[in-house]
Amino acid sequence: MLVRDQLFIGGRWVTPRAPQWLHVHSPHDGHLVGRAVAGDASDVDAAVNSAIGALDAWSDLTPDARAKLLERMADYLESQAPVLTKLIVDEVGTPIRAAQRIQVALPIANLRNHATRLRKITFTRRVGHSLVSRQPAGIVAAITPWNYPLHQAVLKVAGALAAGCGVVLKPSELTPLNAFYLADAAHAAGLPAGVFNLVTGSPAIVGTALVSHAGVDRVSFTGSTETGRLVAATAAQSLKRVSLELGGKSAAILLDDAPLEKAVRSVVRSCNLNSGQTCTALTRLLVPKGLVTEAQRIAADCAQSLVVGDPHSEGSQVGPLISRRQLDRVRTWIVRGESEGAALLAGGKEPLHGLPAAGHYVRPTVFGQVDSRASIAREEIFGPVLCVMSYGEVDDAIDIANSTPYGLAGAVWSADSDRALAVAQRIRAGQVDINGAAFNPEAPFGGFKQSGYGREAGEFGIEDCLEYKSIQLAEPTAHSAA
């Protein structure tokens, strides 16, 4: 069992004044993975003040110097990759092959990518008689979720550090243990004391203290839309800058010339990635009326073929949900889908046999004949539940795709890439994939509408942590020049 009994504040490991504990249980079988100490408002205050004290010296370093330190952090995490992979499989339940690639290798690559992008940013330029510079926003509170814990932490921390900001990180109370390795990486890399701080704890205590702290200049939050509203409202009291990455209900539009088998199977796999606990998951499949029967058959067949099991097993494709609460929530949505008249084509609420009774497993589920106005077609379920819907004209498909309050992601499939691009441009979402194109960690990541605002990743994540300053220069007159 892993025990982390100190917080990382001011470049040192310190014991909280009034320590409490966060207990982490495996979503696979319920065993105790470890425990992490929980701080309180006084620890947040100490961390923010440490970051403030380190800010000037850190922001004065050259971009290359900061980039080298980010690369050293990546080196440390890479040395710990096998340990980190097993830990995140234990904490989150992501199947091990996906965890190696997405939960660990991607964050390491993102640290290196931020270092590369940092070296290419122009921080000062002339605009007429003004000198326009981009300067650090100040102290950043990074509040991260449980579904991709290290990945989301790195996106926020790397962007802020690259920009020259100080950081206080609060990871999810459900998956806090992996964040300590990021603090280890900062320490091993030799980051100046106070630049990076880690305070674990509950949202109500540590999260609220961070968002409302007078010394915090910017809040970066990833989580539910409901909590995002509270974060934004609290931060607004002191006019903090806020970046929110929230929920999604992303649609994949298959045009009438799409490669049906390939496209449907790709969407089903997206919907079930990380057991459906992915904000950008494609959870709505929009198919022309003439193809919907065949698309539903393929989707059901693909969902039933996915291997659900122990996330430590190389053969598992779908692991458990994060908690009993999430399991109950997803099952409730499945029952609601049936009550709304949708046809249950695969999966369902019944428990799976042959897996630990304490595990939080749900069957990959596919609904057909879904009305676009139904709640399962509009609300984020955050589980492996796919809604298949038919449409008449392409304009109808675009209207359905844009009909939810969210706008995080989407997809378009067509044999004609220009036609697919034209449709993609009309989907109101922060990122849209065409014909199964891969995720690009250098492209800006974020959403439209109630999926939030602000952007992360690469140069865009760095720029989101910068403020513009204009200095007007007095042009010398002929008299003064003489």
Protein backbone atom coordinates (compact mmCIF):
# COMPACT_ATOMS: atom_id res chain seq x y z
CA MET A 1 0.00 0.00 0.00
CA LEU A 2 1.33 3.40 -1.01
CA VAL A 3 1.30 6.10 1.67
CA ARG A 4 2.10 9.76 0.95
CA ASP A 5 1.92 11.61 4.24
CA GLN A 6 3.31 15.03 3.30
CA LEU A 7 2.43 17.91 0.99
CA PHE A 8 4.90 19.62 -1.33
CA ILE A 9 5.07 23.33 -0.41
CA GLY A 10 7.88 25.80 -0.91
CA GLY A 11 10.22 23.19 -2.36
CA ARG A 12 9.93 20.92 0.70
CA TRP A 13 7.85 18.00 1.85
CA VAL A 14 5.85 19.25 4.81
CA THR A 15 3.35 17.68 7.21
CA PRO A 16 -0.03 19.44 7.33
CA ARG A 17 -0.90 21.15 10.58
CA ALA A 18 -4.13 19.15 10.92
CA PRO A 19 -3.70 16.11 8.66
CA GLN A 20 -6.66 14.11 7.37
CA TRP A 21 -6.53 11.19 4.95
CA LEU A 22 -7.76 10.41 1.46
CA HIS A 23 -8.18 6.65 1.02
CA VAL A 24 -7.85 5.31 -2.52
CA HIS A 25 -9.62 2.05 -3.35
CA SER A 26 -9.26 0.01 -6.52
CA PRO A 27 -12.33 0.27 -8.76
CA HIS A 28 -11.54 -3.28 -9.92
CA ASP A 29 -11.91 -5.14 -6.63
CA GLY A 30 -12.12 -2.54 -3.87
CA HIS A 31 -8.74 -3.23 -2.27
CA LEU A 32 -6.96 -0.30 -0.60
CA VAL A 33 -4.43 1.04 -3.10
CA GLY A 34 -3.02 3.67 -0.75
CA ARG A 35 -3.70 6.82 1.15
CA ALA A 36 -2.69 10.43 0.75
CA VAL A 37 -2.67 13.17 3.32
CA ALA A 38 -5.25 15.92 2.93
CA GLY A 39 -4.48 19.56 3.60
CA ASP A 40 -6.71 22.46 4.55
CA ALA A 41 -7.03 26.20 3.95
CA SER A 42 -3.88 26.95 5.96
CA ASP A 43 -1.87 24.66 3.69
CA VAL A 44 -3.35 26.36 0.64
CA ASP A 45 -2.34 29.72 2.08
CA ALA A 46 1.22 28.52 2.66
CA ALA A 47 1.44 27.10 -0.87
CA VAL A 48 0.09 30.26 -2.54
CA ASN A 49 2.43 32.47 -0.53
CA SER A 50 5.38 30.25 -1.48
CA ALA A 51 4.45 30.57 -5.14
CA ILE A 52 4.16 34.36 -4.81
CA GLY A 53 7.60 34.52 -3.22
CA ALA A 54 9.14 32.53 -6.07
CA LEU A 55 7.32 34.24 -8.94
CA ASP A 56 9.70 37.09 -9.82
CA ALA A 57 12.82 34.94 -9.97
CA TRP A 58 11.03 32.22 -11.93
CA SER A 59 9.52 34.57 -14.49
CA ASP A 60 12.90 36.29 -14.93
CA LEU A 61 14.51 33.05 -16.12
CA THR A 62 14.99 32.76 -19.85
CA PRO A 63 12.49 30.61 -21.75
CA ASP A 64 15.29 28.17 -22.52
CA ALA A 65 16.12 27.79 -18.82
CA ARG A 66 12.49 27.05 -17.99
CA ALA A 67 12.26 24.65 -20.93
CA LYS A 68 15.26 22.68 -19.70
CA LEU A 69 13.62 22.23 -16.30
CA LEU A 70 10.43 20.95 -17.94
CA GLU A 71 12.53 18.44 -19.86
CA ARG A 72 14.17 17.29 -16.64
CA MET A 73 10.73 16.73 -15.15
CA ALA A 74 9.86 14.62 -18.19
CA ASP A 75 13.07 12.63 -17.73
CA TYR A 76 12.14 11.83 -14.14
CA LEU A 77 8.60 10.76 -15.01
CA GLU A 78 9.95 8.59 -17.81
CA SER A 79 12.21 6.82 -15.30
CA GLN A 80 9.10 6.10 -13.22
CA ALA A 81 6.83 5.11 -16.12
CA PRO A 82 6.29 1.43 -15.16
CA VAL A 83 5.46 2.36 -11.55
CA LEU A 84 3.19 5.19 -12.65
CA THR A 85 1.35 2.97 -15.12
CA LYS A 86 0.56 0.36 -12.48
CA LEU A 87 -0.48 3.03 -10.00
CA ILE A 88 -2.89 4.73 -12.41
CA VAL A 89 -4.35 1.36 -13.41
CA ASP A 90 -4.95 0.77 -9.68
CA GLU A 91 -6.37 4.25 -9.05
CA VAL A 92 -8.49 4.80 -12.18
CA GLY A 93 -9.10 1.33 -13.61
CA THR A 94 -7.87 2.18 -17.11
CA PRO A 95 -6.81 -1.02 -18.90
CA ILE A 96 -3.05 -1.31 -18.78
CA ARG A 97 -2.32 -0.98 -22.51
CA ALA A 98 -4.34 2.24 -22.75
CA ALA A 99 -2.82 3.46 -19.48
CA GLN A 100 0.71 3.03 -20.80
CA ARG A 101 -0.08 5.04 -23.91
CA ILE A 102 -2.51 7.71 -22.70
CA GLN A 103 -2.18 8.00 -18.94
CA VAL A 104 1.64 7.98 -18.80
CA ALA A 105 3.41 8.28 -22.17
CA LEU A 106 1.21 11.18 -23.31
CA PRO A 107 1.86 13.39 -20.24
CA ILE A 108 5.60 12.81 -20.59
CA ALA A 109 5.43 13.77 -24.27
CA ASN A 110 3.37 16.83 -23.37
CA LEU A 111 6.04 18.08 -20.95
CA ARG A 112 8.64 17.80 -23.71
CA ASN A 113 6.30 19.42 -26.23
CA HIS A 114 5.69 22.40 -23.94
CA ALA A 115 9.44 22.84 -23.64
CA THR A 116 9.81 22.81 -27.43
CA ARG A 117 6.92 25.26 -27.95
CA LEU A 118 8.24 27.57 -25.22
CA ARG A 119 11.51 28.06 -27.08
CA LYS A 120 9.60 29.25 -30.17
CA ILE A 121 7.27 31.80 -28.58
CA THR A 122 7.94 35.49 -29.19
CA PHE A 123 7.32 37.28 -25.90
CA THR A 124 8.00 40.86 -27.06
CA ARG A 125 7.41 42.70 -30.33
CA ARG A 126 6.92 46.23 -31.67
CA VAL A 127 3.46 47.38 -32.74
CA GLY A 128 3.80 50.89 -34.11
CA HIS A 129 5.30 53.01 -31.35
CA SER A 130 4.36 50.44 -28.67
CA LEU A 131 6.39 47.63 -27.19
CA VAL A 132 3.95 44.76 -26.66
CA SER A 133 5.05 42.04 -24.28
CA ARG A 134 3.42 38.91 -22.91
CA GLN A 135 4.03 38.37 -19.22
CA PRO A 136 3.07 35.64 -16.75
CA ALA A 137 -0.51 35.82 -15.47
CA GLY A 138 0.78 35.22 -11.93
CA ILE A 139 -0.18 32.38 -9.61
CA VAL A 140 -2.20 29.57 -11.17
CA ALA A 141 -4.48 27.25 -9.21
CA ALA A 142 -4.66 23.97 -11.17
CA ILE A 143 -7.60 21.78 -10.16
CA THR A 144 -7.65 18.47 -11.99
CA PRO A 145 -10.05 15.50 -12.49
CA TRP A 146 -9.77 11.79 -11.79
CA ASN A 147 -10.31 10.30 -15.27
CA TYR A 148 -6.95 11.28 -16.82
CA PRO A 149 -5.22 12.53 -13.67
CA LEU A 150 -1.58 12.87 -14.70
CA HIS A 151 -2.39 13.97 -18.24
CA GLN A 152 -4.66 16.79 -17.08
CA ALA A 153 -2.24 17.85 -14.35
CA VAL A 154 0.65 18.06 -16.81
CA LEU A 155 -1.36 20.10 -19.33
CA LYS A 156 -2.12 22.71 -16.67
CA VAL A 157 1.20 22.66 -14.84
CA ALA A 158 3.41 22.60 -17.93
CA GLY A 159 1.55 25.49 -19.58
CA ALA A 160 1.70 27.61 -16.43
CA LEU A 161 5.36 26.87 -15.66
CA ALA A 162 6.39 27.49 -19.25
CA ALA A 163 4.67 30.89 -19.13
CA GLY A 164 6.64 31.79 -16.01
CA CYS A 165 3.76 31.39 -13.55
CA GLY A 166 3.80 29.84 -10.11
CA VAL A 167 1.51 26.84 -9.57
CA VAL A 168 -0.51 25.22 -6.83
CA LEU A 169 -1.90 21.85 -7.93
CA LYS A 170 -4.94 20.21 -6.34
CA PRO A 171 -5.58 16.77 -7.85
CA SER A 172 -8.85 14.88 -7.54
CA GLU A 173 -9.46 13.40 -4.12
CA LEU A 174 -10.34 10.11 -5.88
CA THR A 175 -6.97 9.69 -7.62
CA PRO A 176 -4.40 11.80 -5.72
CA LEU A 177 -1.48 9.38 -5.50
CA ASN A 178 -0.04 9.83 -9.02
CA ALA A 179 0.21 13.61 -8.50
CA PHE A 180 2.93 13.08 -5.88
CA TYR A 181 5.16 11.77 -8.67
CA LEU A 182 4.76 15.09 -10.44
CA ALA A 183 5.94 16.82 -7.27
CA ASP A 184 8.83 14.33 -7.10
CA ALA A 185 9.64 15.28 -10.68
CA ALA A 186 9.67 19.00 -9.87
CA HIS A 187 11.97 18.34 -6.92
CA ALA A 188 14.29 16.04 -8.88
CA ALA A 189 14.46 18.49 -11.80
CA GLY A 190 15.59 21.29 -9.51
CA LEU A 191 12.70 23.70 -9.92
CA PRO A 192 13.25 26.73 -7.67
CA ALA A 193 11.53 26.36 -4.29
CA GLY A 194 7.92 27.55 -4.33
CA VAL A 195 7.42 27.50 -8.09
CA PHE A 196 5.41 24.27 -7.95
CA ASN A 197 3.28 23.23 -4.97
CA LEU A 198 1.03 20.25 -4.34
CA VAL A 199 -1.88 20.38 -1.88
CA THR A 200 -4.18 17.37 -1.86
CA GLY A 201 -7.58 17.45 -0.21
CA SER A 202 -11.31 17.75 -0.68
CA PRO A 203 -12.99 20.08 -3.19
CA ALA A 204 -15.02 21.73 -0.44
CA ILE A 205 -11.97 22.64 1.65
CA VAL A 206 -8.85 22.78 -0.52
CA GLY A 207 -10.63 23.55 -3.81
CA THR A 208 -12.70 26.36 -2.35
CA ALA A 209 -9.70 27.83 -0.54
CA LEU A 210 -7.68 27.89 -3.75
CA VAL A 211 -10.38 29.42 -5.95
CA SER A 212 -11.16 32.13 -3.41
CA HIS A 213 -7.58 32.91 -2.34
CA ALA A 214 -6.62 36.55 -2.91
CA GLY A 215 -3.13 35.55 -4.03
CA VAL A 216 -4.33 33.35 -6.90
CA ASP A 217 -4.49 35.17 -10.25
CA ARG A 218 -5.78 32.41 -12.50
CA VAL A 219 -7.82 29.24 -11.98
CA SER A 220 -7.64 26.32 -14.38
CA PHE A 221 -10.32 23.72 -13.68
CA THR A 222 -11.30 20.48 -15.39
CA GLY A 223 -14.39 18.64 -14.20
CA SER A 224 -18.16 18.63 -14.41
CA THR A 225 -20.13 21.52 -15.85
CA GLU A 226 -22.03 21.86 -12.58
CA THR A 227 -18.85 22.29 -10.54
CA GLY A 228 -17.38 24.54 -13.23
CA ARG A 229 -20.23 26.99 -12.70
CA LEU A 230 -19.41 27.14 -8.99
CA VAL A 231 -15.72 27.66 -9.72
CA ALA A 232 -16.46 30.48 -12.14
CA ALA A 233 -18.89 32.16 -9.73
CA THR A 234 -16.44 31.98 -6.83
CA ALA A 235 -13.51 33.22 -8.91
CA ALA A 236 -15.63 36.10 -10.23
CA GLN A 237 -15.81 37.61 -6.75
CA SER A 238 -12.15 38.62 -7.09
CA LEU A 239 -12.17 38.83 -10.93
CA LYS A 240 -9.70 36.00 -11.38
CA ARG A 241 -9.03 34.74 -14.87
CA VAL A 242 -10.60 31.32 -15.29
CA SER A 243 -10.13 28.45 -17.73
CA LEU A 244 -12.75 25.69 -17.68
CA GLU A 245 -12.75 22.33 -19.45
CA LEU A 246 -16.09 20.73 -18.65
CA GLY A 247 -18.59 18.18 -19.93
CA GLY A 248 -19.37 16.94 -23.40
CA LYS A 249 -21.93 15.03 -25.43
CA SER A 250 -19.98 14.65 -28.63
CA ALA A 251 -21.55 13.54 -31.90
CA ALA A 252 -20.04 11.57 -34.77
CA ILE A 253 -21.74 12.30 -38.08
CA LEU A 254 -21.50 9.56 -40.70
CA LEU A 255 -22.24 10.91 -44.18
CA ASP A 256 -23.88 8.65 -46.76
CA ASP A 257 -20.56 7.80 -48.42
CA ALA A 258 -18.72 6.94 -45.19
CA PRO A 259 -16.99 3.54 -44.80
CA LEU A 260 -19.75 2.26 -42.53
CA GLU A 261 -18.10 -0.70 -40.80
CA LYS A 262 -14.85 1.13 -40.09
CA ALA A 263 -16.58 4.31 -38.95
CA VAL A 264 -19.09 2.66 -36.61
CA ARG A 265 -16.47 0.47 -34.96
CA SER A 266 -14.22 3.49 -34.46
CA VAL A 267 -17.04 5.42 -32.77
CA VAL A 268 -17.88 2.48 -30.48
CA ARG A 269 -14.25 2.25 -29.40
CA SER A 270 -14.18 6.00 -28.72
CA CYS A 271 -17.35 5.75 -26.64
CA ASN A 272 -15.82 2.99 -24.51
CA LEU A 273 -12.35 4.48 -24.05
CA ASN A 274 -11.53 4.58 -20.33
CA SER A 275 -14.94 2.94 -19.72
CA GLY A 276 -16.66 5.95 -21.29
CA GLN A 277 -15.14 8.25 -18.69
CA THR A 278 -13.66 10.57 -21.30
CA CYS A 279 -14.95 14.11 -21.75
CA THR A 280 -14.39 13.97 -25.52
CA ALA A 281 -15.93 10.51 -25.97
CA LEU A 282 -18.12 10.15 -29.05
CA THR A 283 -21.39 9.14 -27.38
CA ARG A 284 -23.83 10.02 -30.19
CA LEU A 285 -23.70 8.29 -33.57
CA LEU A 286 -25.66 10.10 -36.31
CA VAL A 287 -26.37 7.97 -39.39
CA PRO A 288 -28.44 8.52 -42.57
CA LYS A 289 -31.89 6.90 -42.29
CA GLY A 290 -31.13 4.38 -45.02
CA LEU A 291 -28.04 3.10 -43.21
CA VAL A 292 -29.19 3.20 -39.59
CA THR A 293 -30.34 -0.43 -39.34
CA GLU A 294 -26.98 -1.73 -40.51
CA ALA A 295 -25.11 0.81 -38.35
CA GLN A 296 -27.04 -0.32 -35.27
CA ARG A 297 -26.16 -3.96 -36.01
CA ILE A 298 -22.47 -3.15 -36.35
CA ALA A 299 -22.45 -1.01 -33.20
CA ALA A 300 -24.13 -3.70 -31.12
CA ASP A 301 -21.80 -6.39 -32.46
CA CYS A 302 -18.72 -4.27 -31.74
CA ALA A 303 -19.86 -3.38 -28.21
CA GLN A 304 -20.56 -7.03 -27.39
CA SER A 305 -17.12 -8.06 -28.67
CA LEU A 306 -15.21 -5.69 -26.35
CA VAL A 307 -13.35 -7.50 -23.58
CA VAL A 308 -14.45 -6.19 -20.18
CA GLY A 309 -12.19 -7.24 -17.36
CA ASP A 310 -9.32 -6.76 -14.93
CA PRO A 311 -7.52 -3.59 -16.06
CA HIS A 312 -4.17 -5.22 -15.21
CA SER A 313 -4.76 -7.83 -17.92
CA GLU A 314 -3.19 -7.13 -21.31
CA GLY A 315 -6.32 -8.43 -23.02
CA SER A 316 -8.82 -6.14 -21.29
CA GLN A 317 -10.30 -3.35 -23.41
CA VAL A 318 -12.85 -1.93 -20.96
CA GLY A 319 -12.20 -1.62 -17.24
CA PRO A 320 -14.34 -0.59 -14.28
CA LEU A 321 -15.94 2.76 -13.57
CA ILE A 322 -14.22 4.91 -10.96
CA SER A 323 -16.67 4.38 -8.08
CA ARG A 324 -19.86 2.74 -6.89
CA ARG A 325 -21.55 6.13 -7.16
CA GLN A 326 -20.59 6.40 -10.83
CA LEU A 327 -21.72 2.83 -11.47
CA ASP A 328 -25.12 3.54 -9.95
CA ARG A 329 -25.38 6.74 -11.98
CA VAL A 330 -24.65 5.00 -15.29
CA ARG A 331 -27.09 2.19 -14.54
CA THR A 332 -29.76 4.78 -13.73
CA TRP A 333 -29.17 6.40 -17.13
CA ILE A 334 -29.53 3.03 -18.85
CA VAL A 335 -32.88 2.48 -17.14
CA ARG A 336 -33.94 5.99 -18.15
CA GLY A 337 -32.97 5.32 -21.76
CA GLU A 338 -35.28 2.31 -21.88
CA SER A 339 -38.08 4.26 -20.22
CA GLU A 340 -37.73 6.99 -22.85
CA GLY A 341 -38.42 4.46 -25.57
CA ALA A 342 -34.93 3.81 -26.93
CA ALA A 343 -34.14 0.27 -28.07
CA LEU A 344 -31.48 -1.48 -25.98
CA LEU A 345 -29.29 -3.17 -28.60
CA ALA A 346 -26.36 -4.24 -26.43
CA GLY A 347 -25.30 -4.17 -22.81
CA GLY A 348 -27.66 -2.99 -20.10
CA LYS A 349 -27.76 -2.50 -16.36
CA GLU A 350 -27.33 -6.15 -15.35
CA PRO A 351 -24.02 -6.93 -13.61
CA LEU A 352 -21.28 -8.84 -15.37
CA HIS A 353 -20.43 -12.31 -14.12
CA GLY A 354 -16.92 -13.56 -13.44
CA LEU A 355 -15.64 -10.24 -12.11
CA PRO A 356 -15.12 -9.14 -8.49
CA ALA A 357 -18.39 -8.29 -6.76
CA ALA A 358 -16.76 -5.15 -5.37
CA GLY A 359 -15.77 -4.01 -8.87
CA HIS A 360 -17.57 -1.15 -10.59
CA TYR A 361 -18.23 -2.81 -13.93
CA VAL A 362 -20.94 -1.99 -16.45
CA ARG A 363 -21.56 -3.54 -19.83
CA PRO A 364 -20.71 -1.53 -22.98
CA THR A 365 -24.19 -0.37 -23.94
CA VAL A 366 -25.74 0.68 -27.24
CA PHE A 367 -29.15 2.29 -27.67
CA GLY A 368 -30.87 2.49 -31.05
CA GLN A 369 -33.93 4.42 -32.20
CA VAL A 370 -32.95 7.30 -29.92
CA ASP A 371 -34.96 10.51 -30.18
CA SER A 372 -32.57 13.46 -30.35
CA ARG A 373 -34.73 15.24 -27.76
CA ALA A 374 -34.41 12.42 -25.22
CA SER A 375 -32.36 13.10 -22.10
CA ILE A 376 -29.91 10.26 -22.87
CA ALA A 377 -29.19 12.02 -26.17
CA ARG A 378 -28.59 15.40 -24.54
CA GLU A 379 -26.98 14.83 -21.13
CA GLU A 380 -23.49 13.60 -20.36
CA ILE A 381 -23.61 10.08 -18.90
CA PHE A 382 -19.85 9.61 -18.48
CA GLY A 383 -20.01 5.89 -19.02
CA PRO A 384 -19.88 3.39 -21.91
CA VAL A 385 -23.30 4.25 -23.36
CA LEU A 386 -23.74 5.02 -27.08
CA CYS A 387 -26.86 6.56 -28.64
CA VAL A 388 -27.48 5.77 -32.32
CA MET A 389 -29.73 8.26 -34.14
CA SER A 390 -30.86 8.65 -37.71
CA TYR A 391 -31.11 11.82 -39.79
CA GLY A 392 -32.55 12.88 -43.12
CA GLU A 393 -30.50 15.68 -44.67
CA VAL A 394 -26.96 16.71 -43.69
CA ASP A 395 -28.33 19.96 -42.27
CA ASP A 396 -30.47 17.86 -39.92
CA ALA A 397 -27.38 15.99 -38.70
CA ILE A 398 -25.56 19.25 -38.00
CA ASP A 399 -28.59 20.60 -36.11
CA ILE A 400 -28.71 17.45 -33.96
CA ALA A 401 -24.96 17.59 -33.32
CA ASN A 402 -25.28 21.21 -32.15
CA SER A 403 -28.50 20.69 -30.18
CA THR A 404 -26.97 19.91 -26.77
CA PRO A 405 -25.63 22.51 -24.30
CA TYR A 406 -22.13 21.12 -24.86
CA GLY A 407 -19.49 21.74 -27.49
CA LEU A 408 -16.32 19.87 -26.64
CA ALA A 409 -15.69 17.46 -29.51
CA GLY A 410 -17.14 15.80 -32.57
CA ALA A 411 -16.33 13.70 -35.61
CA VAL A 412 -17.23 13.43 -39.29
CA TRP A 413 -16.80 10.43 -41.61
CA SER A 414 -16.95 10.62 -45.40
CA ALA A 415 -15.13 9.26 -48.44
CA ASP A 416 -14.86 12.88 -49.61
CA SER A 417 -12.48 14.73 -47.27
CA ASP A 418 -13.55 18.16 -48.55
CA ARG A 419 -17.18 17.33 -47.86
CA ALA A 420 -16.26 16.10 -44.38
CA LEU A 421 -14.30 19.28 -43.70
CA ALA A 422 -17.25 21.46 -44.72
CA VAL A 423 -19.45 19.63 -42.19
CA ALA A 424 -16.77 19.74 -39.49
CA GLN A 425 -16.56 23.52 -39.83
CA ARG A 426 -20.26 23.77 -38.95
CA ILE A 427 -20.07 21.69 -35.77
CA ARG A 428 -19.83 23.99 -32.75
CA ALA A 429 -17.14 22.16 -30.85
CA GLY A 430 -13.57 22.79 -29.81
CA GLN A 431 -12.12 19.83 -31.70
CA VAL A 432 -13.52 17.71 -34.52
CA ASP A 433 -11.91 14.56 -35.96
CA ILE A 434 -12.26 13.66 -39.62
CA ASN A 435 -12.23 9.98 -40.61
CA GLY A 436 -10.73 8.85 -37.32
CA ALA A 437 -7.81 11.26 -37.28
CA ALA A 438 -5.63 10.92 -34.18
CA PHE A 439 -5.62 13.30 -31.21
CA ASN A 440 -3.04 16.07 -31.69
CA PRO A 441 -1.37 17.11 -28.40
CA GLU A 442 0.00 20.28 -30.03
CA ALA A 443 -3.42 21.58 -31.11
CA PRO A 444 -5.53 23.74 -28.76
CA PHE A 445 -7.78 21.72 -26.45
CA GLY A 446 -11.02 23.13 -25.02
CA GLY A 447 -14.71 23.62 -25.72
CA PHE A 448 -17.56 25.82 -26.83
CA LYS A 449 -20.78 26.64 -24.96
CA GLN A 450 -21.18 24.83 -21.62
CA SER A 451 -18.11 22.72 -22.28
CA GLY A 452 -16.14 25.69 -20.97
CA TYR A 453 -13.65 28.27 -22.19
CA GLY A 454 -9.92 28.71 -22.43
CA ARG A 455 -7.47 26.39 -24.16
CA GLU A 456 -4.77 23.94 -23.11
CA ALA A 457 -1.92 22.09 -24.85
CA GLY A 458 1.22 23.26 -26.62
CA GLU A 459 1.77 26.93 -27.36
CA PHE A 460 -1.96 27.60 -26.87
CA GLY A 461 -1.83 26.41 -23.27
CA ILE A 462 1.21 28.57 -22.61
CA GLU A 463 -0.43 31.63 -24.17
CA ASP A 464 -3.51 31.11 -22.00
CA CYS A 465 -1.27 31.75 -18.98
CA LEU A 466 0.11 35.04 -20.30
CA GLU A 467 -1.08 38.63 -20.04
CA TYR A 468 -0.49 41.33 -22.65
CA LYS A 469 1.28 44.55 -21.69
CA SER A 470 1.63 47.54 -24.00
CA ILE A 471 4.36 50.11 -23.37
CA GLN A 472 4.00 53.24 -25.47
CA LEU A 473 7.38 54.65 -26.49
CA ALA A 474 7.82 58.38 -27.04
CA GLU A 475 9.18 58.83 -30.53
CA PRO A 476 12.11 61.26 -30.54
CA THR A 477 11.21 64.65 -32.09
CA ALA A 478 13.52 66.54 -34.39
CA HIS A 479 14.14 69.10 -31.58
CA SER A 480 15.04 66.49 -28.96
CA ALA A 481 17.18 64.59 -31.45
CA ALA A 482 19.17 67.77 -32.08
